[in-house]
Amino acid sequence: MHMQDPVDADTRDLRVWLVRVSHGGAKELRNRVIEAGSMAKVEVLVMRADMVFGSDHIRSALYHAKRAIREGRNASESLAMETLLYASGERQLSTAIRKMSVEDGADEVVVAQLTPGPIEEGRSWKPMERMNEGSRAESLARFGVSKEELATVGSAKALDLVLERVASVDVLKK
């Protein structure tokens, strides 16, 4: 799948990692990454891994967030929060935060670097695949994809439903 030039231009600095964390260490990692990003003047986002369906999911969210900011339609003052809103497929920021926020019981989180700059990767950081083909039905259901929708497109096209949700935030925000 070839991405269009505006998407490439808006997301050229995006880096997305899947990070394994020890039980109970997810929030500490989130805080450390956000603080390091802040000190380096880099926008970073740390999210639940089970709500992210590949780096293309975050690429689409970042593109839509940057476009909303450019057009003055943003719901948040920060690129990270606007990207989180789109990544969640939700209209309300509070709902998006609840849905995507890292919980201490997590054994994996997603770290997304949204703007250029130095971010020090840990040993357990692995670049995230473009699409998570093995998306489990329960993760898709928690994300908001219904069994009926999944049955209509099949599990091979589940990411398309997620990307549709990301794009639909524009419609929902109006």
N, C-alpha and C. Protein backbone atom coordinates (compact mmCIF):
# COMPACT_ATOMS: atom_id res chain seq x y z
N MET A 1 0.85 -1.18 0.00
CA MET A 1 0.00 0.00 0.00
C MET A 1 0.89 1.24 0.00
N HIS A 2 0.76 2.07 -1.00
CA HIS A 2 1.55 3.30 -1.09
C HIS A 2 0.79 4.44 -0.43
N MET A 3 1.46 5.11 0.52
CA MET A 3 0.81 6.23 1.20
C MET A 3 0.96 7.50 0.37
N GLN A 4 0.01 8.38 0.48
CA GLN A 4 0.02 9.64 -0.26
C GLN A 4 1.08 10.57 0.31
N ASP A 5 1.55 11.50 -0.53
CA ASP A 5 2.57 12.44 -0.13
C ASP A 5 2.24 13.27 1.11
N PRO A 6 1.00 13.82 1.27
CA PRO A 6 0.72 14.61 2.47
C PRO A 6 0.90 13.78 3.75
N VAL A 7 0.53 12.52 3.69
CA VAL A 7 0.69 11.65 4.86
C VAL A 7 2.17 11.47 5.14
N ASP A 8 2.95 11.16 4.10
CA ASP A 8 4.39 10.98 4.28
C ASP A 8 5.03 12.25 4.84
N ALA A 9 4.65 13.40 4.30
CA ALA A 9 5.23 14.67 4.75
C ALA A 9 4.92 14.92 6.22
N ASP A 10 3.67 14.68 6.61
CA ASP A 10 3.26 14.95 7.99
C ASP A 10 3.78 13.91 8.99
N THR A 11 4.22 12.75 8.51
CA THR A 11 4.59 11.68 9.43
C THR A 11 6.03 11.21 9.25
N ARG A 12 6.85 11.98 8.53
CA ARG A 12 8.21 11.53 8.23
C ARG A 12 9.07 11.34 9.48
N ASP A 13 8.77 12.04 10.56
CA ASP A 13 9.57 11.94 11.78
C ASP A 13 9.01 10.92 12.77
N LEU A 14 7.90 10.29 12.42
CA LEU A 14 7.26 9.34 13.33
C LEU A 14 8.12 8.10 13.52
N ARG A 15 8.28 7.71 14.78
CA ARG A 15 8.92 6.45 15.13
C ARG A 15 8.02 5.78 16.17
N VAL A 16 7.73 4.51 15.99
CA VAL A 16 6.81 3.80 16.89
C VAL A 16 7.48 2.51 17.35
N TRP A 17 7.47 2.31 18.67
CA TRP A 17 8.06 1.11 19.26
C TRP A 17 7.04 0.36 20.10
N LEU A 18 7.20 -0.94 20.13
CA LEU A 18 6.48 -1.80 21.06
C LEU A 18 7.50 -2.10 22.17
N VAL A 19 7.12 -1.80 23.40
CA VAL A 19 8.06 -1.91 24.52
C VAL A 19 7.53 -2.88 25.57
N ARG A 20 8.32 -3.88 25.88
CA ARG A 20 7.99 -4.81 26.96
C ARG A 20 8.36 -4.14 28.29
N VAL A 21 7.48 -4.25 29.27
CA VAL A 21 7.74 -3.67 30.59
C VAL A 21 7.50 -4.73 31.65
N SER A 22 8.20 -4.59 32.76
CA SER A 22 7.97 -5.52 33.85
C SER A 22 6.63 -5.19 34.49
N HIS A 23 6.00 -6.21 35.06
CA HIS A 23 4.68 -6.03 35.67
C HIS A 23 4.74 -4.90 36.70
N GLY A 24 3.83 -3.93 36.55
CA GLY A 24 3.80 -2.81 37.48
C GLY A 24 4.69 -1.65 37.07
N GLY A 25 5.40 -1.77 35.94
CA GLY A 25 6.34 -0.72 35.55
C GLY A 25 5.89 0.17 34.41
N ALA A 26 4.67 -0.03 33.92
CA ALA A 26 4.22 0.70 32.73
C ALA A 26 4.09 2.21 32.97
N LYS A 27 3.48 2.59 34.09
CA LYS A 27 3.30 4.03 34.34
C LYS A 27 4.64 4.72 34.59
N GLU A 28 5.55 4.01 35.26
CA GLU A 28 6.89 4.58 35.50
C GLU A 28 7.60 4.82 34.16
N LEU A 29 7.51 3.84 33.25
CA LEU A 29 8.11 4.01 31.93
C LEU A 29 7.46 5.19 31.21
N ARG A 30 6.12 5.26 31.24
CA ARG A 30 5.42 6.38 30.59
C ARG A 30 5.95 7.72 31.11
N ASN A 31 6.02 7.84 32.44
CA ASN A 31 6.48 9.10 33.03
C ASN A 31 7.91 9.43 32.62
N ARG A 32 8.78 8.43 32.60
CA ARG A 32 10.19 8.62 32.21
C ARG A 32 10.28 9.07 30.75
N VAL A 33 9.54 8.42 29.87
CA VAL A 33 9.59 8.74 28.43
C VAL A 33 9.04 10.15 28.19
N ILE A 34 7.93 10.48 28.83
CA ILE A 34 7.34 11.81 28.63
C ILE A 34 8.27 12.90 29.17
N GLU A 35 8.89 12.65 30.31
CA GLU A 35 9.83 13.63 30.88
C GLU A 35 11.05 13.80 29.96
N ALA A 36 11.59 12.69 29.46
CA ALA A 36 12.74 12.76 28.55
C ALA A 36 12.36 13.51 27.28
N GLY A 37 11.16 13.24 26.75
CA GLY A 37 10.69 13.93 25.57
C GLY A 37 10.55 15.42 25.81
N SER A 38 9.99 15.76 26.95
CA SER A 38 9.81 17.16 27.31
C SER A 38 11.16 17.89 27.40
N MET A 39 12.12 17.25 28.03
CA MET A 39 13.46 17.86 28.17
C MET A 39 14.13 18.03 26.80
N ALA A 40 13.87 17.09 25.88
CA ALA A 40 14.47 17.15 24.54
C ALA A 40 13.60 17.93 23.55
N LYS A 41 12.48 18.48 24.04
CA LYS A 41 11.53 19.21 23.19
C LYS A 41 11.01 18.32 22.05
N VAL A 42 10.70 17.06 22.40
CA VAL A 42 10.18 16.08 21.46
C VAL A 42 8.79 15.67 21.95
N GLU A 43 7.81 15.69 21.05
CA GLU A 43 6.46 15.22 21.41
C GLU A 43 6.44 13.70 21.37
N VAL A 44 6.10 13.09 22.49
CA VAL A 44 6.00 11.63 22.56
C VAL A 44 4.66 11.25 23.14
N LEU A 45 4.26 10.04 22.82
CA LEU A 45 2.99 9.52 23.28
C LEU A 45 3.24 8.08 23.72
N VAL A 46 2.70 7.72 24.89
CA VAL A 46 2.82 6.35 25.40
C VAL A 46 1.40 5.84 25.58
N MET A 47 1.12 4.68 24.96
CA MET A 47 -0.25 4.16 24.95
C MET A 47 -0.28 2.67 25.26
N ARG A 48 -1.48 2.20 25.58
CA ARG A 48 -1.71 0.77 25.78
C ARG A 48 -1.41 0.04 24.48
N ALA A 49 -0.63 -1.01 24.54
CA ALA A 49 -0.28 -1.77 23.33
C ALA A 49 -1.50 -2.50 22.76
N ASP A 50 -2.41 -2.92 23.63
CA ASP A 50 -3.57 -3.68 23.12
C ASP A 50 -4.60 -2.80 22.43
N MET A 51 -4.39 -1.49 22.40
CA MET A 51 -5.29 -0.57 21.70
C MET A 51 -4.63 0.04 20.48
N VAL A 52 -3.42 -0.43 20.15
CA VAL A 52 -2.71 0.07 18.97
C VAL A 52 -2.53 -1.11 18.02
N PHE A 53 -2.93 -0.92 16.78
CA PHE A 53 -2.99 -2.02 15.83
C PHE A 53 -1.93 -1.91 14.74
N GLY A 54 -0.76 -1.41 15.11
CA GLY A 54 0.37 -1.27 14.20
C GLY A 54 0.76 0.18 14.03
N SER A 55 1.96 0.40 13.48
CA SER A 55 2.45 1.77 13.32
C SER A 55 1.61 2.57 12.33
N ASP A 56 0.97 1.89 11.35
CA ASP A 56 0.10 2.61 10.42
C ASP A 56 -1.10 3.24 11.14
N HIS A 57 -1.56 2.61 12.23
CA HIS A 57 -2.63 3.16 13.06
C HIS A 57 -2.18 4.52 13.61
N ILE A 58 -0.97 4.58 14.16
CA ILE A 58 -0.46 5.83 14.74
C ILE A 58 -0.12 6.82 13.63
N ARG A 59 0.40 6.34 12.51
CA ARG A 59 0.71 7.22 11.37
C ARG A 59 -0.56 7.96 10.92
N SER A 60 -1.66 7.23 10.79
CA SER A 60 -2.92 7.83 10.38
C SER A 60 -3.40 8.84 11.43
N ALA A 61 -3.31 8.48 12.70
CA ALA A 61 -3.74 9.38 13.78
C ALA A 61 -2.91 10.66 13.78
N LEU A 62 -1.59 10.54 13.61
CA LEU A 62 -0.71 11.72 13.59
C LEU A 62 -1.05 12.61 12.40
N TYR A 63 -1.25 12.02 11.24
CA TYR A 63 -1.61 12.79 10.05
C TYR A 63 -2.90 13.58 10.28
N HIS A 64 -3.93 12.92 10.79
CA HIS A 64 -5.22 13.58 11.03
C HIS A 64 -5.08 14.67 12.10
N ALA A 65 -4.27 14.41 13.13
CA ALA A 65 -4.05 15.39 14.20
C ALA A 65 -3.36 16.64 13.66
N LYS A 66 -2.31 16.45 12.86
CA LYS A 66 -1.60 17.60 12.30
C LYS A 66 -2.50 18.40 11.37
N ARG A 67 -3.31 17.70 10.60
CA ARG A 67 -4.23 18.38 9.69
C ARG A 67 -5.27 19.19 10.48
N ALA A 68 -5.80 18.60 11.54
CA ALA A 68 -6.78 19.31 12.38
C ALA A 68 -6.16 20.56 12.99
N ILE A 69 -4.92 20.46 13.46
CA ILE A 69 -4.23 21.61 14.06
C ILE A 69 -4.02 22.70 13.00
N ARG A 70 -3.55 22.30 11.82
CA ARG A 70 -3.33 23.26 10.73
C ARG A 70 -4.62 23.99 10.36
N GLU A 71 -5.73 23.26 10.39
CA GLU A 71 -7.01 23.84 9.98
C GLU A 71 -7.78 24.46 11.14
N GLY A 72 -7.18 24.49 12.33
CA GLY A 72 -7.82 25.11 13.49
C GLY A 72 -8.99 24.32 14.04
N ARG A 73 -9.03 23.02 13.79
CA ARG A 73 -10.12 22.17 14.27
C ARG A 73 -9.69 21.29 15.45
N ASN A 74 -8.52 21.57 16.01
CA ASN A 74 -8.00 20.72 17.08
C ASN A 74 -8.82 20.86 18.37
N ALA A 75 -8.93 19.73 19.07
CA ALA A 75 -9.66 19.69 20.34
C ALA A 75 -8.69 19.84 21.51
N SER A 76 -7.40 19.78 21.23
CA SER A 76 -6.38 19.82 22.28
C SER A 76 -5.29 20.81 21.87
N GLU A 77 -4.55 21.27 22.86
CA GLU A 77 -3.47 22.22 22.58
C GLU A 77 -2.16 21.52 22.22
N SER A 78 -2.05 20.21 22.47
CA SER A 78 -0.79 19.53 22.20
C SER A 78 -0.95 18.51 21.08
N LEU A 79 0.11 18.36 20.30
CA LEU A 79 0.11 17.38 19.21
C LEU A 79 -0.08 15.97 19.76
N ALA A 80 0.55 15.68 20.89
CA ALA A 80 0.43 14.33 21.49
C ALA A 80 -1.03 14.04 21.86
N MET A 81 -1.70 14.98 22.50
CA MET A 81 -3.09 14.74 22.91
C MET A 81 -4.03 14.68 21.71
N GLU A 82 -3.77 15.50 20.71
CA GLU A 82 -4.60 15.46 19.50
C GLU A 82 -4.41 14.12 18.78
N THR A 83 -3.17 13.64 18.74
CA THR A 83 -2.87 12.34 18.12
C THR A 83 -3.55 11.22 18.91
N LEU A 84 -3.51 11.32 20.23
CA LEU A 84 -4.18 10.33 21.09
C LEU A 84 -5.68 10.28 20.79
N LEU A 85 -6.28 11.46 20.62
CA LEU A 85 -7.71 11.54 20.31
C LEU A 85 -8.01 10.77 19.03
N TYR A 86 -7.24 11.03 17.99
CA TYR A 86 -7.47 10.33 16.73
C TYR A 86 -7.15 8.84 16.85
N ALA A 87 -6.07 8.50 17.52
CA ALA A 87 -5.69 7.09 17.68
C ALA A 87 -6.79 6.29 18.38
N SER A 88 -7.50 6.96 19.29
CA SER A 88 -8.54 6.28 20.06
C SER A 88 -9.82 6.05 19.25
N GLY A 89 -10.00 6.85 18.19
CA GLY A 89 -11.24 6.76 17.42
C GLY A 89 -12.42 7.34 18.17
N GLU A 90 -12.15 8.14 19.19
CA GLU A 90 -13.20 8.73 20.03
C GLU A 90 -13.33 10.22 19.76
N ARG A 91 -14.47 10.78 20.13
CA ARG A 91 -14.73 12.22 19.93
C ARG A 91 -14.31 13.05 21.14
N GLN A 92 -14.41 12.45 22.32
CA GLN A 92 -14.11 13.18 23.56
C GLN A 92 -12.71 12.83 24.06
N LEU A 93 -11.94 13.85 24.42
CA LEU A 93 -10.58 13.63 24.91
C LEU A 93 -10.57 12.79 26.18
N SER A 94 -11.53 13.03 27.09
CA SER A 94 -11.56 12.25 28.34
C SER A 94 -11.78 10.76 28.06
N THR A 95 -12.64 10.45 27.10
CA THR A 95 -12.89 9.05 26.71
C THR A 95 -11.64 8.47 26.06
N ALA A 96 -10.99 9.27 25.21
CA ALA A 96 -9.77 8.82 24.53
C ALA A 96 -8.67 8.50 25.54
N ILE A 97 -8.53 9.35 26.54
CA ILE A 97 -7.50 9.13 27.55
C ILE A 97 -7.78 7.84 28.33
N ARG A 98 -9.03 7.65 28.73
CA ARG A 98 -9.39 6.41 29.45
C ARG A 98 -9.12 5.18 28.60
N LYS A 99 -9.44 5.26 27.34
CA LYS A 99 -9.31 4.12 26.44
C LYS A 99 -7.85 3.77 26.15
N MET A 100 -7.00 4.77 25.99
CA MET A 100 -5.64 4.55 25.50
C MET A 100 -4.56 4.62 26.58
N SER A 101 -4.92 5.06 27.79
CA SER A 101 -3.91 5.25 28.84
C SER A 101 -3.30 3.95 29.32
N VAL A 102 -2.02 4.04 29.61
CA VAL A 102 -1.24 2.90 30.09
C VAL A 102 -1.66 2.56 31.51
N GLU A 103 -1.84 1.28 31.76
CA GLU A 103 -2.17 0.79 33.10
C GLU A 103 -0.98 0.01 33.62
N ASP A 104 -0.79 0.00 34.93
CA ASP A 104 0.37 -0.67 35.51
C ASP A 104 0.39 -2.17 35.30
N GLY A 105 -0.75 -2.79 35.04
CA GLY A 105 -0.78 -4.22 34.80
C GLY A 105 -0.27 -4.62 33.42
N ALA A 106 -0.06 -3.63 32.56
CA ALA A 106 0.35 -3.91 31.18
C ALA A 106 1.75 -4.50 31.13
N ASP A 107 1.95 -5.45 30.21
CA ASP A 107 3.31 -5.97 30.01
C ASP A 107 3.93 -5.44 28.72
N GLU A 108 3.12 -4.70 27.93
CA GLU A 108 3.62 -4.03 26.73
C GLU A 108 2.95 -2.68 26.59
N VAL A 109 3.72 -1.70 26.14
CA VAL A 109 3.17 -0.39 25.82
C VAL A 109 3.72 0.03 24.46
N VAL A 110 3.09 1.02 23.87
CA VAL A 110 3.57 1.58 22.61
C VAL A 110 4.11 2.98 22.91
N VAL A 111 5.30 3.24 22.43
CA VAL A 111 5.91 4.57 22.53
C VAL A 111 5.97 5.12 21.10
N ALA A 112 5.40 6.31 20.91
CA ALA A 112 5.43 6.96 19.59
C ALA A 112 6.14 8.30 19.71
N GLN A 113 7.17 8.48 18.93
CA GLN A 113 7.87 9.76 18.83
C GLN A 113 7.24 10.51 17.67
N LEU A 114 6.59 11.64 17.96
CA LEU A 114 5.80 12.35 16.95
C LEU A 114 6.58 13.45 16.24
N THR A 115 7.60 13.99 16.90
CA THR A 115 8.39 15.08 16.32
C THR A 115 9.87 14.70 16.37
N PRO A 116 10.69 15.33 15.53
CA PRO A 116 12.11 14.95 15.48
C PRO A 116 12.86 15.35 16.74
N GLY A 117 13.92 14.63 16.99
CA GLY A 117 14.77 14.93 18.13
C GLY A 117 15.32 13.67 18.74
N PRO A 118 16.18 13.83 19.74
CA PRO A 118 16.83 12.67 20.35
C PRO A 118 15.94 11.97 21.38
N ILE A 119 15.64 10.72 21.12
CA ILE A 119 14.94 9.88 22.10
C ILE A 119 15.80 8.64 22.28
N GLU A 120 16.14 8.36 23.51
CA GLU A 120 16.98 7.19 23.79
C GLU A 120 16.10 5.96 23.97
N GLU A 121 16.30 5.01 23.08
CA GLU A 121 15.53 3.76 23.13
C GLU A 121 16.12 2.84 24.20
N GLY A 122 15.23 2.10 24.86
CA GLY A 122 15.68 1.09 25.80
C GLY A 122 15.95 -0.22 25.07
N ARG A 123 16.58 -1.15 25.76
CA ARG A 123 16.90 -2.45 25.16
C ARG A 123 15.65 -3.23 24.76
N SER A 124 14.57 -3.02 25.50
CA SER A 124 13.34 -3.79 25.22
C SER A 124 12.45 -3.12 24.16
N TRP A 125 12.93 -2.04 23.55
CA TRP A 125 12.14 -1.33 22.54
C TRP A 125 12.35 -1.97 21.17
N LYS A 126 11.27 -2.39 20.55
CA LYS A 126 11.32 -2.99 19.22
C LYS A 126 10.45 -2.15 18.28
N PRO A 127 10.97 -1.82 17.08
CA PRO A 127 10.13 -1.07 16.14
C PRO A 127 8.82 -1.83 15.90
N MET A 128 7.72 -1.09 15.92
CA MET A 128 6.42 -1.72 15.75
C MET A 128 6.16 -2.00 14.28
N GLU A 129 5.55 -3.15 14.01
CA GLU A 129 5.17 -3.51 12.65
C GLU A 129 4.15 -2.50 12.12
N ARG A 130 4.07 -2.37 10.80
CA ARG A 130 3.12 -1.44 10.20
C ARG A 130 1.68 -1.81 10.53
N MET A 131 1.39 -3.12 10.45
CA MET A 131 0.05 -3.60 10.77
C MET A 131 0.17 -4.81 11.67
N ASN A 132 -0.65 -4.84 12.68
CA ASN A 132 -0.66 -5.98 13.58
C ASN A 132 -1.70 -6.97 13.06
N GLU A 133 -1.24 -7.91 12.26
CA GLU A 133 -2.15 -8.88 11.63
C GLU A 133 -2.83 -9.76 12.67
N GLY A 134 -2.16 -9.97 13.78
CA GLY A 134 -2.70 -10.87 14.80
C GLY A 134 -3.60 -10.16 15.79
N SER A 135 -4.26 -9.09 15.36
CA SER A 135 -5.15 -8.34 16.26
C SER A 135 -6.23 -9.28 16.79
N ARG A 136 -6.27 -9.38 18.09
CA ARG A 136 -7.25 -10.28 18.71
C ARG A 136 -8.63 -9.64 18.71
N ALA A 137 -9.63 -10.48 18.56
CA ALA A 137 -11.02 -10.01 18.51
C ALA A 137 -11.38 -9.22 19.76
N GLU A 138 -10.86 -9.63 20.93
CA GLU A 138 -11.22 -8.90 22.16
C GLU A 138 -10.60 -7.50 22.19
N SER A 139 -9.39 -7.34 21.63
CA SER A 139 -8.79 -6.00 21.55
C SER A 139 -9.59 -5.13 20.59
N LEU A 140 -9.97 -5.71 19.45
CA LEU A 140 -10.78 -4.96 18.49
C LEU A 140 -12.13 -4.57 19.11
N ALA A 141 -12.72 -5.47 19.87
CA ALA A 141 -14.00 -5.18 20.54
C ALA A 141 -13.83 -4.05 21.56
N ARG A 142 -12.74 -4.08 22.34
CA ARG A 142 -12.47 -3.01 23.32
C ARG A 142 -12.25 -1.68 22.60
N PHE A 143 -11.67 -1.76 21.41
CA PHE A 143 -11.43 -0.55 20.62
C PHE A 143 -12.73 0.02 20.08
N GLY A 144 -13.75 -0.86 19.92
CA GLY A 144 -15.05 -0.39 19.44
C GLY A 144 -15.49 -1.02 18.14
N VAL A 145 -14.72 -1.99 17.64
CA VAL A 145 -15.10 -2.69 16.41
C VAL A 145 -16.07 -3.81 16.80
N SER A 146 -17.26 -3.77 16.22
CA SER A 146 -18.29 -4.76 16.56
C SER A 146 -18.02 -6.10 15.87
N LYS A 147 -18.61 -7.15 16.42
CA LYS A 147 -18.49 -8.48 15.81
C LYS A 147 -19.08 -8.46 14.41
N GLU A 148 -20.16 -7.70 14.23
CA GLU A 148 -20.80 -7.60 12.92
C GLU A 148 -19.85 -6.95 11.90
N GLU A 149 -19.19 -5.86 12.31
CA GLU A 149 -18.24 -5.20 11.40
C GLU A 149 -17.11 -6.16 11.04
N LEU A 150 -16.59 -6.85 12.03
CA LEU A 150 -15.49 -7.78 11.81
C LEU A 150 -15.93 -8.93 10.90
N ALA A 151 -17.14 -9.42 11.10
CA ALA A 151 -17.66 -10.50 10.26
C ALA A 151 -17.83 -10.03 8.82
N THR A 152 -18.16 -8.76 8.64
CA THR A 152 -18.37 -8.21 7.30
C THR A 152 -17.06 -8.14 6.50
N VAL A 153 -15.99 -7.69 7.16
CA VAL A 153 -14.73 -7.50 6.43
C VAL A 153 -13.75 -8.65 6.61
N GLY A 154 -13.90 -9.42 7.67
CA GLY A 154 -12.96 -10.50 7.95
C GLY A 154 -11.77 -9.99 8.73
N SER A 155 -11.12 -10.86 9.47
CA SER A 155 -10.04 -10.44 10.36
C SER A 155 -8.84 -9.88 9.60
N ALA A 156 -8.65 -10.30 8.34
CA ALA A 156 -7.53 -9.79 7.54
C ALA A 156 -7.68 -8.30 7.27
N LYS A 157 -8.90 -7.78 7.30
CA LYS A 157 -9.15 -6.36 7.03
C LYS A 157 -9.50 -5.58 8.29
N ALA A 158 -9.22 -6.16 9.45
CA ALA A 158 -9.57 -5.51 10.72
C ALA A 158 -8.90 -4.15 10.86
N LEU A 159 -7.65 -4.02 10.41
CA LEU A 159 -6.96 -2.73 10.51
C LEU A 159 -7.70 -1.65 9.73
N ASP A 160 -8.32 -2.02 8.61
CA ASP A 160 -9.09 -1.04 7.84
C ASP A 160 -10.20 -0.43 8.69
N LEU A 161 -10.83 -1.25 9.53
CA LEU A 161 -11.89 -0.75 10.42
C LEU A 161 -11.32 0.21 11.45
N VAL A 162 -10.12 -0.09 11.95
CA VAL A 162 -9.46 0.80 12.92
C VAL A 162 -9.13 2.12 12.24
N LEU A 163 -8.55 2.06 11.04
CA LEU A 163 -8.19 3.29 10.32
C LEU A 163 -9.43 4.11 9.96
N GLU A 164 -10.54 3.43 9.69
CA GLU A 164 -11.80 4.12 9.44
C GLU A 164 -12.25 4.88 10.68
N ARG A 165 -12.10 4.26 11.85
CA ARG A 165 -12.44 4.91 13.12
C ARG A 165 -11.59 6.16 13.34
N VAL A 166 -10.29 6.04 13.03
CA VAL A 166 -9.37 7.18 13.18
C VAL A 166 -9.87 8.34 12.31
N ALA A 167 -10.14 8.05 11.04
CA ALA A 167 -10.59 9.08 10.12
C ALA A 167 -11.95 9.65 10.50
N SER A 168 -12.80 8.83 11.10
CA SER A 168 -14.15 9.28 11.44
C SER A 168 -14.18 10.27 12.60
N VAL A 169 -13.08 10.40 13.33
CA VAL A 169 -13.04 11.38 14.43
C VAL A 169 -13.31 12.77 13.89
N ASP A 170 -12.83 13.07 12.68
CA ASP A 170 -13.10 14.37 12.06
C ASP A 170 -14.60 14.64 11.96
N VAL A 171 -15.34 13.63 11.55
CA VAL A 171 -16.79 13.76 11.41
C VAL A 171 -17.43 13.88 12.78
N LEU A 172 -16.98 13.08 13.73
CA LEU A 172 -17.57 13.07 15.07
C LEU A 172 -17.34 14.38 15.82
N LYS A 173 -16.18 15.03 15.57
CA LYS A 173 -15.84 16.26 16.30
C LYS A 173 -16.72 17.43 15.91
N LYS A 174 -17.37 17.36 14.73
CA LYS A 174 -18.16 18.50 14.24
C LYS A 174 -19.47 18.64 14.98
